[in-house]
Amino acid sequence: MRESGIKVGMIKLGTLWPFPRFALERFLPQLKTILVPELNMGQIYREVLRVNAGKAVIEKLNRVNGTIIAPNEIVKTVKGMVR
């Protein structure tokens, strides 16, 4: 995506609980949009919403049927977010 001019980054969480809010808070001032892909009902999405406190636009891409979220699905979603 960077090669096509889209500025992207990734935060990979090492733990889910307690939610590592400081890992996200340090990047919030420079973020416009956040995508939270997860294979569950959106628990991490809700934590990101709470920590974000309205600073960035947040979208979720979740699945609960056991099917992996393919990288091209993430790319497509991100491209739709930055238009």
PDB file of N, CA and C in Angstrom:
ATOM      1  N   MET A   1       0.829  -1.193   0.000  1.00  0.00           N
ATOM      2  CA  MET A   1       0.000   0.000   0.000  1.00  0.00           C
ATOM      3  C   MET A   1       0.868   1.249   0.000  1.00  0.00           C
ATOM      4  N   ARG A   2       2.002   1.175   0.667  1.00  0.00           N
ATOM      5  CA  ARG A   2       2.894   2.335   0.674  1.00  0.00           C
ATOM      6  C   ARG A   2       3.402   2.650  -0.723  1.00  0.00           C
ATOM      7  N   GLU A   3       3.647   1.597  -1.514  1.00  0.00           N
ATOM      8  CA  GLU A   3       4.103   1.809  -2.887  1.00  0.00           C
ATOM      9  C   GLU A   3       3.068   2.550  -3.722  1.00  0.00           C
ATOM     10  N   SER A   4       1.801   2.414  -3.378  1.00  0.00           N
ATOM     11  CA  SER A   4       0.753   3.130  -4.103  1.00  0.00           C
ATOM     12  C   SER A   4       0.415   4.470  -3.448  1.00  0.00           C
ATOM     13  N   GLY A   5       1.230   4.892  -2.478  1.00  0.00           N
ATOM     14  CA  GLY A   5       1.072   6.212  -1.882  1.00  0.00           C
ATOM     15  C   GLY A   5       0.194   6.293  -0.643  1.00  0.00           C
ATOM     16  N   ILE A   6      -0.226   5.161  -0.120  1.00  0.00           N
ATOM     17  CA  ILE A   6      -1.061   5.157   1.082  1.00  0.00           C
ATOM     18  C   ILE A   6      -0.157   4.999   2.295  1.00  0.00           C
ATOM     19  N   LYS A   7      -0.217   5.955   3.197  1.00  0.00           N
ATOM     20  CA  LYS A   7       0.579   5.879   4.425  1.00  0.00           C
ATOM     21  C   LYS A   7      -0.106   4.937   5.402  1.00  0.00           C
ATOM     22  N   VAL A   8       0.554   3.831   5.691  1.00  0.00           N
ATOM     23  CA  VAL A   8      -0.012   2.832   6.605  1.00  0.00           C
ATOM     24  C   VAL A   8       1.032   2.404   7.616  1.00  0.00           C
ATOM     25  N   GLY A   9       0.547   1.889   8.699  1.00  0.00           N
ATOM     26  CA  GLY A   9       1.391   1.316   9.733  1.00  0.00           C
ATOM     27  C   GLY A   9       0.604   0.232  10.432  1.00  0.00           C
ATOM     28  N   MET A  10       1.270  -0.493  11.311  1.00  0.00           N
ATOM     29  CA  MET A  10       0.594  -1.561  12.014  1.00  0.00           C
ATOM     30  C   MET A  10       1.079  -1.606  13.459  1.00  0.00           C
ATOM     31  N   ILE A  11       0.138  -1.797  14.340  1.00  0.00           N
ATOM     32  CA  ILE A  11       0.472  -2.039  15.741  1.00  0.00           C
ATOM     33  C   ILE A  11       0.094  -3.484  16.025  1.00  0.00           C
ATOM     34  N   LYS A  12       1.057  -4.271  16.404  1.00  0.00           N
ATOM     35  CA  LYS A  12       0.808  -5.672  16.745  1.00  0.00           C
ATOM     36  C   LYS A  12       0.846  -5.785  18.259  1.00  0.00           C
ATOM     37  N   LEU A  13      -0.294  -6.128  18.832  1.00  0.00           N
ATOM     38  CA  LEU A  13      -0.404  -6.207  20.283  1.00  0.00           C
ATOM     39  C   LEU A  13       0.242  -7.490  20.795  1.00  0.00           C
ATOM     40  N   GLY A  14       1.030  -7.378  21.838  1.00  0.00           N
ATOM     41  CA  GLY A  14       1.658  -8.539  22.453  1.00  0.00           C
ATOM     42  C   GLY A  14       0.766  -9.202  23.481  1.00  0.00           C
ATOM     43  N   THR A  15      -0.195  -8.453  23.971  1.00  0.00           N
ATOM     44  CA  THR A  15      -1.143  -8.975  24.955  1.00  0.00           C
ATOM     45  C   THR A  15      -2.488  -8.305  24.720  1.00  0.00           C
ATOM     46  N   LEU A  16      -3.547  -8.975  25.103  1.00  0.00           N
ATOM     47  CA  LEU A  16      -4.875  -8.397  24.928  1.00  0.00           C
ATOM     48  C   LEU A  16      -5.475  -7.902  26.234  1.00  0.00           C
ATOM     49  N   TRP A  17      -5.055  -8.527  27.335  1.00  0.00           N
ATOM     50  CA  TRP A  17      -5.578  -8.099  28.624  1.00  0.00           C
ATOM     51  C   TRP A  17      -4.500  -8.156  29.673  1.00  0.00           C
ATOM     52  N   PRO A  18      -4.295  -7.110  30.425  1.00  0.00           N
ATOM     53  CA  PRO A  18      -5.020  -5.853  30.282  1.00  0.00           C
ATOM     54  C   PRO A  18      -4.675  -5.194  28.956  1.00  0.00           C
ATOM     55  N   PHE A  19      -5.651  -4.484  28.401  1.00  0.00           N
ATOM     56  CA  PHE A  19      -5.449  -3.868  27.094  1.00  0.00           C
ATOM     57  C   PHE A  19      -4.288  -2.879  27.164  1.00  0.00           C
ATOM     58  N   PRO A  20      -3.313  -2.998  26.254  1.00  0.00           N
ATOM     59  CA  PRO A  20      -2.125  -2.123  26.285  1.00  0.00           C
ATOM     60  C   PRO A  20      -2.421  -0.734  25.716  1.00  0.00           C
ATOM     61  N   ARG A  21      -3.195   0.042  26.449  1.00  0.00           N
ATOM     62  CA  ARG A  21      -3.650   1.348  25.966  1.00  0.00           C
ATOM     63  C   ARG A  21      -2.508   2.292  25.616  1.00  0.00           C
ATOM     64  N   PHE A  22      -1.391   2.212  26.334  1.00  0.00           N
ATOM     65  CA  PHE A  22      -0.283   3.132  26.063  1.00  0.00           C
ATOM     66  C   PHE A  22       0.378   2.851  24.717  1.00  0.00           C
ATOM     67  N   ALA A  23       0.326   1.605  24.255  1.00  0.00           N
ATOM     68  CA  ALA A  23       0.856   1.270  22.932  1.00  0.00           C
ATOM     69  C   ALA A  23       0.075   1.999  21.848  1.00  0.00           C
ATOM     70  N   LEU A  24      -1.223   2.182  22.056  1.00  0.00           N
ATOM     71  CA  LEU A  24      -2.058   2.893  21.096  1.00  0.00           C
ATOM     72  C   LEU A  24      -2.021   4.397  21.319  1.00  0.00           C
ATOM     73  N   GLU A  25      -2.064   4.829  22.557  1.00  0.00           N
ATOM     74  CA  GLU A  25      -2.127   6.264  22.865  1.00  0.00           C
ATOM     75  C   GLU A  25      -0.943   7.037  22.309  1.00  0.00           C
ATOM     76  N   ARG A  26       0.215   6.416  22.258  1.00  0.00           N
ATOM     77  CA  ARG A  26       1.388   7.159  21.759  1.00  0.00           C
ATOM     78  C   ARG A  26       1.305   7.453  20.274  1.00  0.00           C
ATOM     79  N   PHE A  27       0.472   6.685  19.526  1.00  0.00           N
ATOM     80  CA  PHE A  27       0.333   6.910  18.089  1.00  0.00           C
ATOM     81  C   PHE A  27      -0.905   7.719  17.717  1.00  0.00           C
ATOM     82  N   LEU A  28      -1.882   7.834  18.604  1.00  0.00           N
ATOM     83  CA  LEU A  28      -3.138   8.498  18.288  1.00  0.00           C
ATOM     84  C   LEU A  28      -2.991   9.911  17.711  1.00  0.00           C
ATOM     85  N   PRO A  29      -2.081  10.736  18.214  1.00  0.00           N
ATOM     86  CA  PRO A  29      -1.997  12.092  17.658  1.00  0.00           C
ATOM     87  C   PRO A  29      -1.689  12.143  16.162  1.00  0.00           C
ATOM     88  N   GLN A  30      -1.067  11.115  15.621  1.00  0.00           N
ATOM     89  CA  GLN A  30      -0.708  11.139  14.199  1.00  0.00           C
ATOM     90  C   GLN A  30      -1.630  10.284  13.322  1.00  0.00           C
ATOM     91  N   LEU A  31      -2.670   9.695  13.901  1.00  0.00           N
ATOM     92  CA  LEU A  31      -3.569   8.819  13.154  1.00  0.00           C
ATOM     93  C   LEU A  31      -4.843   9.531  12.750  1.00  0.00           C
ATOM     94  N   LYS A  32      -5.275   9.275  11.509  1.00  0.00           N
ATOM     95  CA  LYS A  32      -6.566   9.784  11.035  1.00  0.00           C
ATOM     96  C   LYS A  32      -7.608   8.679  11.057  1.00  0.00           C
ATOM     97  N   THR A  33      -7.195   7.482  10.662  1.00  0.00           N
ATOM     98  CA  THR A  33      -8.107   6.344  10.629  1.00  0.00           C
ATOM     99  C   THR A  33      -7.414   5.109  11.205  1.00  0.00           C
ATOM    100  N   ILE A  34      -8.230   4.231  11.764  1.00  0.00           N
ATOM    101  CA  ILE A  34      -7.716   2.987  12.343  1.00  0.00           C
ATOM    102  C   ILE A  34      -8.622   1.854  11.878  1.00  0.00           C
ATOM    103  N   LEU A  35      -8.007   0.775  11.416  1.00  0.00           N
ATOM    104  CA  LEU A  35      -8.746  -0.431  11.076  1.00  0.00           C
ATOM    105  C   LEU A  35      -8.377  -1.498  12.093  1.00  0.00           C
ATOM    106  N   VAL A  36      -9.395  -2.141  12.656  1.00  0.00           N
ATOM    107  CA  VAL A  36      -9.172  -3.203  13.633  1.00  0.00           C
ATOM    108  C   VAL A  36      -9.689  -4.516  13.033  1.00  0.00           C
ATOM    109  N   PRO A  37      -8.795  -5.307  12.410  1.00  0.00           N
ATOM    110  CA  PRO A  37      -9.218  -6.622  11.927  1.00  0.00           C
ATOM    111  C   PRO A  37      -9.082  -7.638  13.059  1.00  0.00           C
ATOM    112  N   GLU A  38     -10.119  -8.416  13.292  1.00  0.00           N
ATOM    113  CA  GLU A  38     -10.041  -9.404  14.366  1.00  0.00           C
ATOM    114  C   GLU A  38     -11.004 -10.559  14.121  1.00  0.00           C
ATOM    115  N   LEU A  39     -10.605 -11.713  14.598  1.00  0.00           N
ATOM    116  CA  LEU A  39     -11.402 -12.928  14.438  1.00  0.00           C
ATOM    117  C   LEU A  39     -12.210 -13.192  15.710  1.00  0.00           C
ATOM    118  N   ASN A  40     -13.116 -12.282  15.999  1.00  0.00           N
ATOM    119  CA  ASN A  40     -14.014 -12.435  17.144  1.00  0.00           C
ATOM    120  C   ASN A  40     -15.166 -11.446  16.996  1.00  0.00           C
ATOM    121  N   MET A  41     -15.879 -11.190  18.052  1.00  0.00           N
ATOM    122  CA  MET A  41     -17.071 -10.346  18.001  1.00  0.00           C
ATOM    123  C   MET A  41     -16.792  -8.854  18.132  1.00  0.00           C
ATOM    124  N   GLY A  42     -15.545  -8.448  18.112  1.00  0.00           N
ATOM    125  CA  GLY A  42     -15.220  -7.029  18.174  1.00  0.00           C
ATOM    126  C   GLY A  42     -14.750  -6.540  19.525  1.00  0.00           C
ATOM    127  N   GLN A  43     -14.223  -7.420  20.350  1.00  0.00           N
ATOM    128  CA  GLN A  43     -13.787  -7.025  21.683  1.00  0.00           C
ATOM    129  C   GLN A  43     -12.628  -6.024  21.627  1.00  0.00           C
ATOM    130  N   ILE A  44     -11.667  -6.245  20.758  1.00  0.00           N
ATOM    131  CA  ILE A  44     -10.538  -5.314  20.655  1.00  0.00           C
ATOM    132  C   ILE A  44     -11.008  -4.000  20.031  1.00  0.00           C
ATOM    133  N   TYR A  45     -11.895  -4.076  19.077  1.00  0.00           N
ATOM    134  CA  TYR A  45     -12.477  -2.870  18.479  1.00  0.00           C
ATOM    135  C   TYR A  45     -13.065  -1.969  19.560  1.00  0.00           C
ATOM    136  N   ARG A  46     -13.817  -2.556  20.489  1.00  0.00           N
ATOM    137  CA  ARG A  46     -14.421  -1.758  21.566  1.00  0.00           C
ATOM    138  C   ARG A  46     -13.364  -1.128  22.468  1.00  0.00           C
ATOM    139  N   GLU A  47     -12.296  -1.842  22.733  1.00  0.00           N
ATOM    140  CA  GLU A  47     -11.214  -1.280  23.546  1.00  0.00           C
ATOM    141  C   GLU A  47     -10.523  -0.137  22.806  1.00  0.00           C
ATOM    142  N   VAL A  48     -10.311  -0.300  21.502  1.00  0.00           N
ATOM    143  CA  VAL A  48      -9.689   0.761  20.701  1.00  0.00           C
ATOM    144  C   VAL A  48     -10.596   1.987  20.679  1.00  0.00           C
ATOM    145  N   LEU A  49     -11.903   1.790  20.532  1.00  0.00           N
ATOM    146  CA  LEU A  49     -12.856   2.911  20.597  1.00  0.00           C
ATOM    147  C   LEU A  49     -12.735   3.658  21.919  1.00  0.00           C
ATOM    148  N   ARG A  50     -12.657   2.912  23.001  1.00  0.00           N
ATOM    149  CA  ARG A  50     -12.582   3.519  24.331  1.00  0.00           C
ATOM    150  C   ARG A  50     -11.313   4.355  24.484  1.00  0.00           C
ATOM    151  N   VAL A  51     -10.183   3.807  24.092  1.00  0.00           N
ATOM    152  CA  VAL A  51      -8.911   4.518  24.224  1.00  0.00           C
ATOM    153  C   VAL A  51      -8.838   5.694  23.261  1.00  0.00           C
ATOM    154  N   ASN A  52      -9.374   5.540  22.071  1.00  0.00           N
ATOM    155  CA  ASN A  52      -9.345   6.572  21.038  1.00  0.00           C
ATOM    156  C   ASN A  52     -10.075   7.840  21.461  1.00  0.00           C
ATOM    157  N   ALA A  53     -11.192   7.688  22.141  1.00  0.00           N
ATOM    158  CA  ALA A  53     -11.992   8.820  22.632  1.00  0.00           C
ATOM    159  C   ALA A  53     -12.316   9.832  21.533  1.00  0.00           C
ATOM    160  N   GLY A  54     -12.655   9.333  20.333  1.00  0.00           N
ATOM    161  CA  GLY A  54     -13.086  10.210  19.249  1.00  0.00           C
ATOM    162  C   GLY A  54     -11.984  10.909  18.472  1.00  0.00           C
ATOM    163  N   LYS A  55     -10.733  10.553  18.678  1.00  0.00           N
ATOM    164  CA  LYS A  55      -9.623  11.242  18.006  1.00  0.00           C
ATOM    165  C   LYS A  55      -9.453  10.833  16.545  1.00  0.00           C
ATOM    166  N   ALA A  56      -9.703   9.571  16.222  1.00  0.00           N
ATOM    167  CA  ALA A  56      -9.538   9.072  14.858  1.00  0.00           C
ATOM    168  C   ALA A  56     -10.801   8.321  14.456  1.00  0.00           C
ATOM    169  N   VAL A  57     -10.980   8.156  13.153  1.00  0.00           N
ATOM    170  CA  VAL A  57     -12.074   7.350  12.640  1.00  0.00           C
ATOM    171  C   VAL A  57     -11.656   5.886  12.771  1.00  0.00           C
ATOM    172  N   ILE A  58     -12.533   5.066  13.331  1.00  0.00           N
ATOM    173  CA  ILE A  58     -12.201   3.660  13.551  1.00  0.00           C
ATOM    174  C   ILE A  58     -13.216   2.777  12.842  1.00  0.00           C
ATOM    175  N   GLU A  59     -12.708   1.796  12.110  1.00  0.00           N
ATOM    176  CA  GLU A  59     -13.563   0.803  11.482  1.00  0.00           C
ATOM    177  C   GLU A  59     -13.099  -0.574  11.900  1.00  0.00           C
ATOM    178  N   LYS A  60     -14.028  -1.511  11.880  1.00  0.00           N
ATOM    179  CA  LYS A  60     -13.663  -2.879  12.227  1.00  0.00           C
ATOM    180  C   LYS A  60     -13.850  -3.790  11.025  1.00  0.00           C
ATOM    181  N   LEU A  61     -13.070  -4.829  11.007  1.00  0.00           N
ATOM    182  CA  LEU A  61     -13.176  -5.885  10.009  1.00  0.00           C
ATOM    183  C   LEU A  61     -13.088  -7.171  10.806  1.00  0.00           C
ATOM    184  N   ASN A  62     -14.243  -7.696  11.178  1.00  0.00           N
ATOM    185  CA  ASN A  62     -14.202  -8.883  12.018  1.00  0.00           C
ATOM    186  C   ASN A  62     -14.930 -10.039  11.363  1.00  0.00           C
ATOM    187  N   ARG A  63     -14.579 -11.216  11.834  1.00  0.00           N
ATOM    188  CA  ARG A  63     -15.166 -12.441  11.328  1.00  0.00           C
ATOM    189  C   ARG A  63     -15.286 -13.411  12.489  1.00  0.00           C
ATOM    190  N   VAL A  64     -16.384 -14.145  12.530  1.00  0.00           N
ATOM    191  CA  VAL A  64     -16.600 -15.069  13.634  1.00  0.00           C
ATOM    192  C   VAL A  64     -16.833 -16.508  13.167  1.00  0.00           C
ATOM    193  N   ASN A  65     -16.665 -16.756  11.889  1.00  0.00           N
ATOM    194  CA  ASN A  65     -16.944 -18.091  11.364  1.00  0.00           C
ATOM    195  C   ASN A  65     -15.699 -18.970  11.233  1.00  0.00           C
ATOM    196  N   GLY A  66     -14.575 -18.517  11.732  1.00  0.00           N
ATOM    197  CA  GLY A  66     -13.346 -19.304  11.683  1.00  0.00           C
ATOM    198  C   GLY A  66     -12.536 -19.125  10.420  1.00  0.00           C
ATOM    199  N   THR A  67     -13.047 -18.384   9.450  1.00  0.00           N
ATOM    200  CA  THR A  67     -12.324 -18.120   8.209  1.00  0.00           C
ATOM    201  C   THR A  67     -11.337 -16.981   8.428  1.00  0.00           C
ATOM    202  N   ILE A  68     -10.109 -17.202   8.009  1.00  0.00           N
ATOM    203  CA  ILE A  68      -9.062 -16.182   8.163  1.00  0.00           C
ATOM    204  C   ILE A  68      -9.385 -14.959   7.312  1.00  0.00           C
ATOM    205  N   ILE A  69      -9.060 -13.784   7.827  1.00  0.00           N
ATOM    206  CA  ILE A  69      -9.189 -12.546   7.055  1.00  0.00           C
ATOM    207  C   ILE A  69      -7.958 -12.454   6.164  1.00  0.00           C
ATOM    208  N   ALA A  70      -8.165 -12.515   4.877  1.00  0.00           N
ATOM    209  CA  ALA A  70      -7.056 -12.505   3.916  1.00  0.00           C
ATOM    210  C   ALA A  70      -6.434 -11.112   3.825  1.00  0.00           C
ATOM    211  N   PRO A  71      -5.131 -11.050   3.578  1.00  0.00           N
ATOM    212  CA  PRO A  71      -4.474  -9.746   3.440  1.00  0.00           C
ATOM    213  C   PRO A  71      -5.130  -8.850   2.388  1.00  0.00           C
ATOM    214  N   ASN A  72      -5.595  -9.436   1.277  1.00  0.00           N
ATOM    215  CA  ASN A  72      -6.226  -8.596   0.251  1.00  0.00           C
ATOM    216  C   ASN A  72      -7.537  -7.984   0.746  1.00  0.00           C
ATOM    217  N   GLU A  73      -8.219  -8.635   1.689  1.00  0.00           N
ATOM    218  CA  GLU A  73      -9.421  -8.050   2.286  1.00  0.00           C
ATOM    219  C   GLU A  73      -9.067  -6.836   3.135  1.00  0.00           C
ATOM    220  N   ILE A  74      -7.962  -6.934   3.848  1.00  0.00           N
ATOM    221  CA  ILE A  74      -7.501  -5.804   4.658  1.00  0.00           C
ATOM    222  C   ILE A  74      -7.105  -4.643   3.748  1.00  0.00           C
ATOM    223  N   VAL A  75      -6.378  -4.939   2.680  1.00  0.00           N
ATOM    224  CA  VAL A  75      -5.963  -3.895   1.726  1.00  0.00           C
ATOM    225  C   VAL A  75      -7.189  -3.218   1.128  1.00  0.00           C
ATOM    226  N   LYS A  76      -8.172  -3.997   0.701  1.00  0.00           N
ATOM    227  CA  LYS A  76      -9.385  -3.434   0.107  1.00  0.00           C
ATOM    228  C   LYS A  76     -10.113  -2.528   1.103  1.00  0.00           C
ATOM    229  N   THR A  77     -10.207  -2.966   2.346  1.00  0.00           N
ATOM    230  CA  THR A  77     -10.882  -2.173   3.376  1.00  0.00           C
ATOM    231  C   THR A  77     -10.135  -0.871   3.642  1.00  0.00           C
ATOM    232  N   VAL A  78      -8.813  -0.940   3.745  1.00  0.00           N
ATOM    233  CA  VAL A  78      -8.008   0.261   3.989  1.00  0.00           C
ATOM    234  C   VAL A  78      -8.168   1.243   2.825  1.00  0.00           C
ATOM    235  N   LYS A  79      -8.103   0.747   1.613  1.00  0.00           N
ATOM    236  CA  LYS A  79      -8.262   1.642   0.439  1.00  0.00           C
ATOM    237  C   LYS A  79      -9.624   2.312   0.453  1.00  0.00           C
ATOM    238  N   GLY A  80     -10.659   1.597   0.896  1.00  0.00           N
ATOM    239  CA  GLY A  80     -11.983   2.206   1.008  1.00  0.00           C
ATOM    240  C   GLY A  80     -12.065   3.255   2.102  1.00  0.00           C
ATOM    241  N   MET A  81     -11.233   3.122   3.121  1.00  0.00           N
ATOM    242  CA  MET A  81     -11.234   4.068   4.228  1.00  0.00           C
ATOM    243  C   MET A  81     -10.551   5.378   3.878  1.00  0.00           C
ATOM    244  N   VAL A  82      -9.556   5.361   3.014  1.00  0.00           N
ATOM    245  CA  VAL A  82      -8.756   6.562   2.753  1.00  0.00           C
ATOM    246  C   VAL A  82      -9.260   7.387   1.579  1.00  0.00           C
ATOM    247  N   ARG A  83     -10.354   6.989   0.989  1.00  0.00           N
ATOM    248  CA  ARG A  83     -10.884   7.771  -0.151  1.00  0.00           C
ATOM    249  C   ARG A  83     -11.636   8.957   0.311  1.00  0.00           C
TER     250      ARG A  83
END
